[in-house]
Amino acid sequence: MTSTLQLLRNIEVREITVHAIVEGDWIIPIDQSGNRIGKKVRASKVGGRLEPHVLSEWCWARAIQRMAQRALSSSNHKQYDPWTTRIDSLACSLRIRRRLPHAMPRSRQRFERYSTSTWEESVHRLWQQAYNRQKKASLTGWDRWAATVSRNHNRKGN
C-alpha cells in the first residue's frame, strides 16, 4: 500500500490541450490528422474547458490545407492542348478494347458491325465516318431522303 502511495506522489500532473470531436454529451479525442486516439468520454468527466471555436478553427485549417494540396497536385499535371487530349483518350480506349473479345458488338446493326479494337481498324473507321459525313453533307434534301430510304430498305434483308 505504501508503494502505491509513493508512486502517486511522484506522478507529475500537467494540463494538456487535445483536439476532440464533441457529439452531444460525449467527447472523442483525435490527433492532428483527425484519427481517434482514445475512446469516447463523457463531457462531465473531463476537467478543464471546452472551447468550440478552437475546434472550428482547426477544421478550417485542415480544409484549407487539403484544398491547397489538391490545387498543387492538379497544377503538377501537364497542360494538354485539345488534340493531345483527344489522342490520349483514343489511346486509352484502344487499351481497354484490346482486353475485350473481338466479336462484333450486338448493339450495332447488321451493316454497322465493325470492330475498333486495333489502331488500324479505328483509323479506318474514323476515315469512313469522315467520308460518310462529307458525302451526306453534300447531298441535297431530296437526295438525302432517297439515300436514307434505300439504306433502310437494304437493312431489312429482303
Protein backbone atom coordinates (compact mmCIF):
# COMPACT_ATOMS: atom_id res chain seq x y z
CA MET A 1 0.00 0.00 0.00
CA THR A 2 2.77 2.40 0.81
CA SER A 3 4.49 1.76 -2.51
CA THR A 4 1.31 2.76 -4.38
CA LEU A 5 1.02 5.98 -2.39
CA GLN A 6 4.67 6.78 -3.06
CA LEU A 7 4.10 6.24 -6.80
CA LEU A 8 1.09 8.55 -6.75
CA ARG A 9 3.12 11.25 -5.01
CA ASN A 10 5.87 11.02 -7.64
CA ILE A 11 3.47 11.35 -10.59
CA GLU A 12 3.65 14.74 -12.22
CA VAL A 13 0.28 16.07 -13.41
CA ARG A 14 0.11 18.54 -16.29
CA GLU A 15 -2.70 20.18 -18.18
CA ILE A 16 -2.71 19.44 -21.91
CA THR A 17 -4.78 20.58 -24.86
CA VAL A 18 -6.27 17.88 -27.06
CA HIS A 19 -8.32 18.19 -30.23
CA ALA A 20 -11.66 16.47 -29.84
CA ILE A 21 -14.97 15.93 -31.58
CA VAL A 22 -18.00 16.72 -29.45
CA GLU A 23 -21.06 14.53 -30.05
CA GLY A 24 -23.77 15.54 -27.61
CA ASP A 25 -22.56 14.52 -24.11
CA TRP A 26 -19.59 12.61 -25.49
CA ILE A 27 -16.10 13.79 -26.41
CA ILE A 28 -13.85 11.84 -28.81
CA PRO A 29 -10.14 12.81 -28.64
CA ILE A 30 -8.46 12.96 -32.06
CA ASP A 31 -4.93 13.53 -33.32
CA GLN A 32 -3.77 16.19 -35.77
CA SER A 33 -4.88 14.22 -38.83
CA GLY A 34 -8.37 13.58 -37.42
CA ASN A 35 -7.89 9.94 -36.30
CA ARG A 36 -9.22 8.78 -32.93
CA ILE A 37 -6.62 8.49 -30.17
CA GLY A 38 -8.92 7.22 -27.45
CA LYS A 39 -12.39 6.04 -26.52
CA LYS A 40 -15.47 8.21 -26.12
CA VAL A 41 -15.50 10.08 -22.82
CA ARG A 42 -18.45 11.76 -21.13
CA ALA A 43 -18.09 15.54 -21.15
CA SER A 44 -18.94 15.67 -17.43
CA LYS A 45 -15.86 13.53 -16.61
CA VAL A 46 -13.44 15.79 -18.48
CA GLY A 47 -11.86 18.55 -16.46
CA GLY A 48 -10.94 21.88 -17.94
CA ARG A 49 -12.73 23.93 -20.57
CA LEU A 50 -14.28 23.06 -23.88
CA GLU A 51 -13.66 25.78 -26.44
CA PRO A 52 -15.72 25.23 -29.61
CA HIS A 53 -14.00 27.99 -31.59
CA VAL A 54 -10.67 26.16 -31.31
CA LEU A 55 -12.16 23.07 -32.95
CA SER A 56 -13.78 25.07 -35.74
CA GLU A 57 -10.53 26.94 -36.45
CA TRP A 58 -8.66 23.65 -36.58
CA CYS A 59 -11.23 22.14 -39.01
CA TRP A 60 -10.98 25.18 -41.28
CA ALA A 61 -7.18 24.99 -41.23
CA ARG A 62 -7.30 21.29 -42.25
CA ALA A 63 -9.81 22.04 -45.04
CA ILE A 64 -7.66 24.88 -46.41
CA GLN A 65 -4.58 22.66 -46.27
CA ARG A 66 -6.40 19.91 -48.21
CA MET A 67 -7.57 22.43 -50.85
CA ALA A 68 -4.03 23.72 -51.28
CA GLN A 69 -2.69 20.17 -51.71
CA ARG A 70 -5.33 19.40 -54.36
CA ALA A 71 -4.58 22.61 -56.24
CA LEU A 72 -0.85 21.88 -56.14
CA SER A 73 -1.28 18.29 -57.32
CA SER A 74 -3.56 19.32 -60.19
CA SER A 75 -1.15 22.05 -61.30
CA ASN A 76 1.66 19.47 -61.43
CA HIS A 77 -0.09 17.68 -64.29
CA LYS A 78 0.85 18.61 -67.84
CA GLN A 79 -1.33 21.13 -69.59
CA TYR A 80 -2.56 19.43 -72.75
CA ASP A 81 -3.85 21.05 -75.90
CA PRO A 82 -7.21 19.67 -77.15
CA TRP A 83 -5.67 17.41 -79.80
CA THR A 84 -3.27 15.76 -77.36
CA THR A 85 -6.19 15.14 -75.01
CA ARG A 86 -8.21 13.51 -77.82
CA ILE A 87 -5.29 11.32 -78.89
CA ASP A 88 -4.67 10.22 -75.29
CA SER A 89 -8.37 9.46 -74.88
CA LEU A 90 -8.38 7.35 -78.05
CA ALA A 91 -5.22 5.52 -76.93
CA CYS A 92 -6.83 4.76 -73.57
CA SER A 93 -9.99 3.42 -75.19
CA LEU A 94 -7.87 1.23 -77.50
CA ARG A 95 -6.03 -0.20 -74.48
CA ILE A 96 -9.39 -1.03 -72.90
CA ARG A 97 -10.78 -2.55 -76.12
CA ARG A 98 -7.68 -4.69 -76.58
CA ARG A 99 -8.69 -6.65 -73.48
CA LEU A 100 -12.22 -7.25 -74.78
CA PRO A 101 -13.16 -10.12 -77.13
CA HIS A 102 -13.04 -9.29 -80.84
CA ALA A 103 -16.66 -10.23 -81.52
CA MET A 104 -18.78 -7.53 -83.14
CA PRO A 105 -20.92 -5.58 -80.70
CA ARG A 106 -24.54 -6.76 -80.62
CA SER A 107 -25.86 -3.23 -80.26
CA ARG A 108 -24.84 -2.36 -83.83
CA GLN A 109 -26.92 -3.08 -86.91
CA ARG A 110 -26.08 -5.72 -89.50
CA PHE A 111 -24.16 -3.41 -91.84
CA GLU A 112 -22.56 -1.45 -89.00
CA ARG A 113 -20.87 -4.38 -87.27
CA TYR A 114 -17.34 -3.03 -87.42
CA SER A 115 -14.59 -3.68 -84.91
CA THR A 116 -12.39 -0.92 -83.49
CA SER A 117 -10.12 -2.94 -81.22
CA THR A 118 -6.87 -2.13 -83.04
CA TRP A 119 -5.31 1.13 -84.19
CA GLU A 120 -5.69 0.28 -87.90
CA GLU A 121 -9.38 -0.59 -87.54
CA SER A 122 -10.02 2.60 -85.56
CA VAL A 123 -8.25 4.77 -88.15
CA HIS A 124 -10.17 3.06 -90.96
CA ARG A 125 -13.47 3.64 -89.14
CA LEU A 126 -12.65 7.32 -88.45
CA TRP A 127 -11.84 7.89 -92.15
CA GLN A 128 -15.03 6.09 -93.10
CA GLN A 129 -17.10 8.26 -90.77
CA ALA A 130 -15.49 11.45 -92.08
CA TYR A 131 -16.19 10.37 -95.68
CA ASN A 132 -19.80 9.48 -94.86
CA ARG A 133 -20.39 12.83 -93.15
CA GLN A 134 -18.85 14.77 -96.03
CA LYS A 135 -20.89 12.79 -98.55
CA LYS A 136 -24.10 13.25 -96.55
CA ALA A 137 -23.48 17.00 -96.19
CA SER A 138 -23.02 17.38 -99.96
CA LEU A 139 -26.41 15.81 -100.76
CA THR A 140 -29.50 17.95 -101.34
CA GLY A 141 -32.61 17.35 -99.27
CA TRP A 142 -34.23 15.05 -101.86
CA ASP A 143 -31.04 13.00 -102.40
CA ARG A 144 -30.53 12.67 -98.66
CA TRP A 145 -34.10 11.39 -98.20
CA ALA A 146 -33.75 8.90 -101.07
CA ALA A 147 -30.42 7.59 -99.74
CA THR A 148 -31.90 7.14 -96.26
CA VAL A 149 -34.90 5.23 -97.64
CA SER A 150 -32.69 2.94 -99.74
CA ARG A 151 -30.36 2.25 -96.81
CA ASN A 152 -33.30 1.40 -94.58
CA HIS A 153 -34.67 -0.87 -97.30
CA ASN A 154 -31.31 -2.65 -97.67
CA ARG A 155 -31.05 -3.23 -93.93
CA LYS A 156 -34.34 -5.12 -93.80
CA GLY A 157 -32.62 -8.01 -95.56
CA ASN A 158 -35.11 -8.70 -98.37
